[in-house]
Amino acid sequence: MQAADSGNTDAMHNLGTFLFRQGDSAGARTWWTRAATGGHTFALSALAQLLDQLRERAEAACWRSRLARDENAPGI
């Protein structure tokens, strides 16, 4: 958690994934949002999927749009 707190986007994404797997969607959303804001491609995707599950489609679409503009994004 120290790495995530210090701004490491990989650590933020990993922490979000851990929390999501533990059933903590709110915690996952927090960390994936921080990582996505920092440009973490997989966090962008995970966050958009979570927002779809939460039926927050407009916000999910915003993150998907950002993902589509990311030239480093693999085919996800």
N, C-alpha and C. Protein backbone atom coordinates (compact mmCIF):
# COMPACT_ATOMS: atom_id res chain seq x y z
N MET A 1 0.82 -1.19 0.00
CA MET A 1 0.00 0.00 0.00
C MET A 1 0.86 1.26 0.00
N GLN A 2 2.04 1.15 0.54
CA GLN A 2 2.93 2.31 0.57
C GLN A 2 3.27 2.77 -0.85
N ALA A 3 3.51 1.81 -1.75
CA ALA A 3 3.83 2.18 -3.14
C ALA A 3 2.64 2.87 -3.79
N ALA A 4 1.42 2.37 -3.53
CA ALA A 4 0.22 2.98 -4.09
C ALA A 4 0.05 4.40 -3.55
N ASP A 5 0.25 4.55 -2.25
CA ASP A 5 0.14 5.87 -1.63
C ASP A 5 1.17 6.86 -2.17
N SER A 6 2.31 6.33 -2.61
CA SER A 6 3.37 7.23 -3.09
C SER A 6 3.25 7.53 -4.58
N GLY A 7 2.20 7.03 -5.23
CA GLY A 7 1.95 7.41 -6.62
C GLY A 7 2.28 6.37 -7.67
N ASN A 8 2.66 5.17 -7.27
CA ASN A 8 2.98 4.12 -8.22
C ASN A 8 1.68 3.57 -8.82
N THR A 9 1.46 3.85 -10.11
CA THR A 9 0.17 3.47 -10.72
C THR A 9 0.01 1.95 -10.85
N ASP A 10 1.10 1.22 -11.02
CA ASP A 10 0.99 -0.25 -11.04
C ASP A 10 0.50 -0.75 -9.69
N ALA A 11 1.04 -0.20 -8.63
CA ALA A 11 0.62 -0.60 -7.28
C ALA A 11 -0.83 -0.20 -7.03
N MET A 12 -1.23 0.97 -7.52
CA MET A 12 -2.63 1.40 -7.38
C MET A 12 -3.56 0.42 -8.08
N HIS A 13 -3.19 0.04 -9.30
CA HIS A 13 -4.01 -0.92 -10.06
C HIS A 13 -4.09 -2.25 -9.32
N ASN A 14 -2.94 -2.72 -8.86
CA ASN A 14 -2.90 -4.01 -8.15
C ASN A 14 -3.74 -3.96 -6.87
N LEU A 15 -3.66 -2.88 -6.15
CA LEU A 15 -4.45 -2.75 -4.92
C LEU A 15 -5.94 -2.72 -5.26
N GLY A 16 -6.31 -1.99 -6.31
CA GLY A 16 -7.70 -1.98 -6.74
C GLY A 16 -8.19 -3.37 -7.10
N THR A 17 -7.36 -4.12 -7.80
CA THR A 17 -7.72 -5.49 -8.18
C THR A 17 -7.89 -6.37 -6.95
N PHE A 18 -6.97 -6.26 -6.01
CA PHE A 18 -7.08 -7.02 -4.76
C PHE A 18 -8.38 -6.70 -4.04
N LEU A 19 -8.67 -5.42 -3.90
CA LEU A 19 -9.89 -5.01 -3.19
C LEU A 19 -11.14 -5.50 -3.92
N PHE A 20 -11.14 -5.42 -5.24
CA PHE A 20 -12.28 -5.90 -6.02
C PHE A 20 -12.51 -7.38 -5.77
N ARG A 21 -11.43 -8.15 -5.77
CA ARG A 21 -11.54 -9.60 -5.53
C ARG A 21 -12.00 -9.91 -4.11
N GLN A 22 -11.79 -8.97 -3.19
CA GLN A 22 -12.25 -9.15 -1.81
C GLN A 22 -13.69 -8.66 -1.63
N GLY A 23 -14.29 -8.17 -2.71
CA GLY A 23 -15.67 -7.71 -2.65
C GLY A 23 -15.82 -6.24 -2.31
N ASP A 24 -14.72 -5.50 -2.30
CA ASP A 24 -14.75 -4.07 -1.96
C ASP A 24 -14.74 -3.23 -3.23
N SER A 25 -15.91 -3.09 -3.85
CA SER A 25 -16.01 -2.34 -5.09
C SER A 25 -15.68 -0.86 -4.90
N ALA A 26 -16.07 -0.30 -3.76
CA ALA A 26 -15.79 1.11 -3.51
C ALA A 26 -14.29 1.36 -3.40
N GLY A 27 -13.60 0.48 -2.70
CA GLY A 27 -12.15 0.61 -2.58
C GLY A 27 -11.46 0.42 -3.92
N ALA A 28 -11.94 -0.56 -4.68
CA ALA A 28 -11.38 -0.80 -6.02
C ALA A 28 -11.57 0.42 -6.89
N ARG A 29 -12.75 0.99 -6.82
CA ARG A 29 -13.04 2.18 -7.63
C ARG A 29 -12.09 3.33 -7.29
N THR A 30 -11.86 3.52 -6.01
CA THR A 30 -10.95 4.59 -5.58
C THR A 30 -9.56 4.41 -6.17
N TRP A 31 -9.01 3.21 -6.02
CA TRP A 31 -7.63 2.99 -6.47
C TRP A 31 -7.53 2.91 -7.97
N TRP A 32 -8.52 2.31 -8.63
CA TRP A 32 -8.49 2.27 -10.10
C TRP A 32 -8.65 3.68 -10.67
N THR A 33 -9.45 4.51 -10.02
CA THR A 33 -9.60 5.89 -10.49
C THR A 33 -8.27 6.64 -10.38
N ARG A 34 -7.60 6.46 -9.27
CA ARG A 34 -6.30 7.13 -9.09
C ARG A 34 -5.30 6.64 -10.13
N ALA A 35 -5.26 5.34 -10.36
CA ALA A 35 -4.32 4.78 -11.34
C ALA A 35 -4.69 5.22 -12.76
N ALA A 36 -5.99 5.20 -13.06
CA ALA A 36 -6.45 5.60 -14.39
C ALA A 36 -6.15 7.07 -14.65
N THR A 37 -6.33 7.89 -13.64
CA THR A 37 -6.01 9.31 -13.76
C THR A 37 -4.53 9.50 -14.05
N GLY A 38 -3.72 8.60 -13.53
CA GLY A 38 -2.28 8.63 -13.78
C GLY A 38 -1.89 7.99 -15.10
N GLY A 39 -2.87 7.51 -15.87
CA GLY A 39 -2.60 6.97 -17.18
C GLY A 39 -2.41 5.47 -17.26
N HIS A 40 -2.76 4.74 -16.21
CA HIS A 40 -2.58 3.29 -16.21
C HIS A 40 -3.67 2.64 -17.07
N THR A 41 -3.25 2.05 -18.18
CA THR A 41 -4.18 1.52 -19.17
C THR A 41 -5.11 0.45 -18.62
N PHE A 42 -4.58 -0.51 -17.89
CA PHE A 42 -5.42 -1.59 -17.39
C PHE A 42 -6.39 -1.09 -16.31
N ALA A 43 -5.97 -0.09 -15.56
CA ALA A 43 -6.88 0.51 -14.58
C ALA A 43 -8.02 1.23 -15.29
N LEU A 44 -7.72 1.88 -16.40
CA LEU A 44 -8.78 2.53 -17.20
C LEU A 44 -9.83 1.50 -17.60
N SER A 45 -9.38 0.37 -18.09
CA SER A 45 -10.29 -0.68 -18.53
C SER A 45 -11.09 -1.26 -17.36
N ALA A 46 -10.40 -1.57 -16.27
CA ALA A 46 -11.06 -2.15 -15.10
C ALA A 46 -12.09 -1.19 -14.53
N LEU A 47 -11.74 0.08 -14.46
CA LEU A 47 -12.66 1.08 -13.93
C LEU A 47 -13.90 1.19 -14.80
N ALA A 48 -13.72 1.23 -16.11
CA ALA A 48 -14.87 1.31 -17.02
C ALA A 48 -15.79 0.10 -16.86
N GLN A 49 -15.20 -1.08 -16.71
CA GLN A 49 -16.01 -2.29 -16.51
C GLN A 49 -16.77 -2.23 -15.19
N LEU A 50 -16.10 -1.79 -14.14
CA LEU A 50 -16.76 -1.68 -12.85
C LEU A 50 -17.92 -0.69 -12.92
N LEU A 51 -17.69 0.44 -13.54
CA LEU A 51 -18.74 1.45 -13.65
C LEU A 51 -19.93 0.92 -14.45
N ASP A 52 -19.66 0.12 -15.47
CA ASP A 52 -20.76 -0.53 -16.20
C ASP A 52 -21.55 -1.45 -15.27
N GLN A 53 -20.85 -2.22 -14.45
CA GLN A 53 -21.52 -3.12 -13.51
C GLN A 53 -22.37 -2.33 -12.51
N LEU A 54 -21.91 -1.16 -12.16
CA LEU A 54 -22.64 -0.30 -11.22
C LEU A 54 -23.72 0.53 -11.92
N ARG A 55 -23.84 0.32 -13.22
CA ARG A 55 -24.83 1.02 -14.07
C ARG A 55 -24.58 2.53 -14.12
N GLU A 56 -23.32 2.89 -14.03
CA GLU A 56 -22.92 4.29 -14.18
C GLU A 56 -22.34 4.44 -15.58
N ARG A 57 -23.22 4.27 -16.54
CA ARG A 57 -22.82 4.15 -17.95
C ARG A 57 -22.16 5.42 -18.51
N ALA A 58 -22.65 6.58 -18.13
CA ALA A 58 -22.07 7.81 -18.67
C ALA A 58 -20.61 7.96 -18.22
N GLU A 59 -20.36 7.71 -16.95
CA GLU A 59 -18.98 7.81 -16.47
C GLU A 59 -18.10 6.73 -17.08
N ALA A 60 -18.67 5.53 -17.23
CA ALA A 60 -17.92 4.45 -17.88
C ALA A 60 -17.54 4.84 -19.30
N ALA A 61 -18.46 5.46 -20.01
CA ALA A 61 -18.20 5.89 -21.39
C ALA A 61 -17.07 6.92 -21.43
N CYS A 62 -17.02 7.80 -20.46
CA CYS A 62 -15.93 8.79 -20.41
C CYS A 62 -14.58 8.11 -20.27
N TRP A 63 -14.50 7.13 -19.38
CA TRP A 63 -13.23 6.42 -19.20
C TRP A 63 -12.89 5.59 -20.42
N ARG A 64 -13.90 4.98 -21.05
CA ARG A 64 -13.64 4.21 -22.28
C ARG A 64 -13.13 5.11 -23.39
N SER A 65 -13.66 6.31 -23.47
CA SER A 65 -13.20 7.27 -24.47
C SER A 65 -11.73 7.60 -24.24
N ARG A 66 -11.39 7.79 -23.00
CA ARG A 66 -9.99 8.07 -22.66
C ARG A 66 -9.11 6.87 -23.03
N LEU A 67 -9.61 5.67 -22.77
CA LEU A 67 -8.87 4.46 -23.11
C LEU A 67 -8.67 4.36 -24.62
N ALA A 68 -9.70 4.69 -25.39
CA ALA A 68 -9.62 4.62 -26.84
C ALA A 68 -8.57 5.60 -27.39
N ARG A 69 -8.38 6.71 -26.70
CA ARG A 69 -7.38 7.70 -27.13
C ARG A 69 -5.96 7.34 -26.71
N ASP A 70 -5.82 6.32 -25.84
CA ASP A 70 -4.51 5.92 -25.33
C ASP A 70 -3.78 5.10 -26.39
N GLU A 71 -2.77 5.68 -27.00
CA GLU A 71 -2.05 4.99 -28.07
C GLU A 71 -1.23 3.81 -27.57
N ASN A 72 -1.01 3.71 -26.26
CA ASN A 72 -0.26 2.59 -25.70
C ASN A 72 -1.15 1.44 -25.28
N ALA A 73 -2.46 1.61 -25.43
CA ALA A 73 -3.38 0.56 -24.98
C ALA A 73 -3.29 -0.66 -25.89
N PRO A 74 -3.12 -1.83 -25.27
CA PRO A 74 -3.16 -3.05 -26.08
C PRO A 74 -4.60 -3.30 -26.50
N GLY A 75 -4.83 -4.29 -27.28
CA GLY A 75 -6.18 -4.59 -27.75
C GLY A 75 -7.04 -5.15 -26.65
N ILE A 76 -7.52 -4.25 -25.77
CA ILE A 76 -8.40 -4.68 -24.67
C ILE A 76 -9.74 -4.03 -24.82
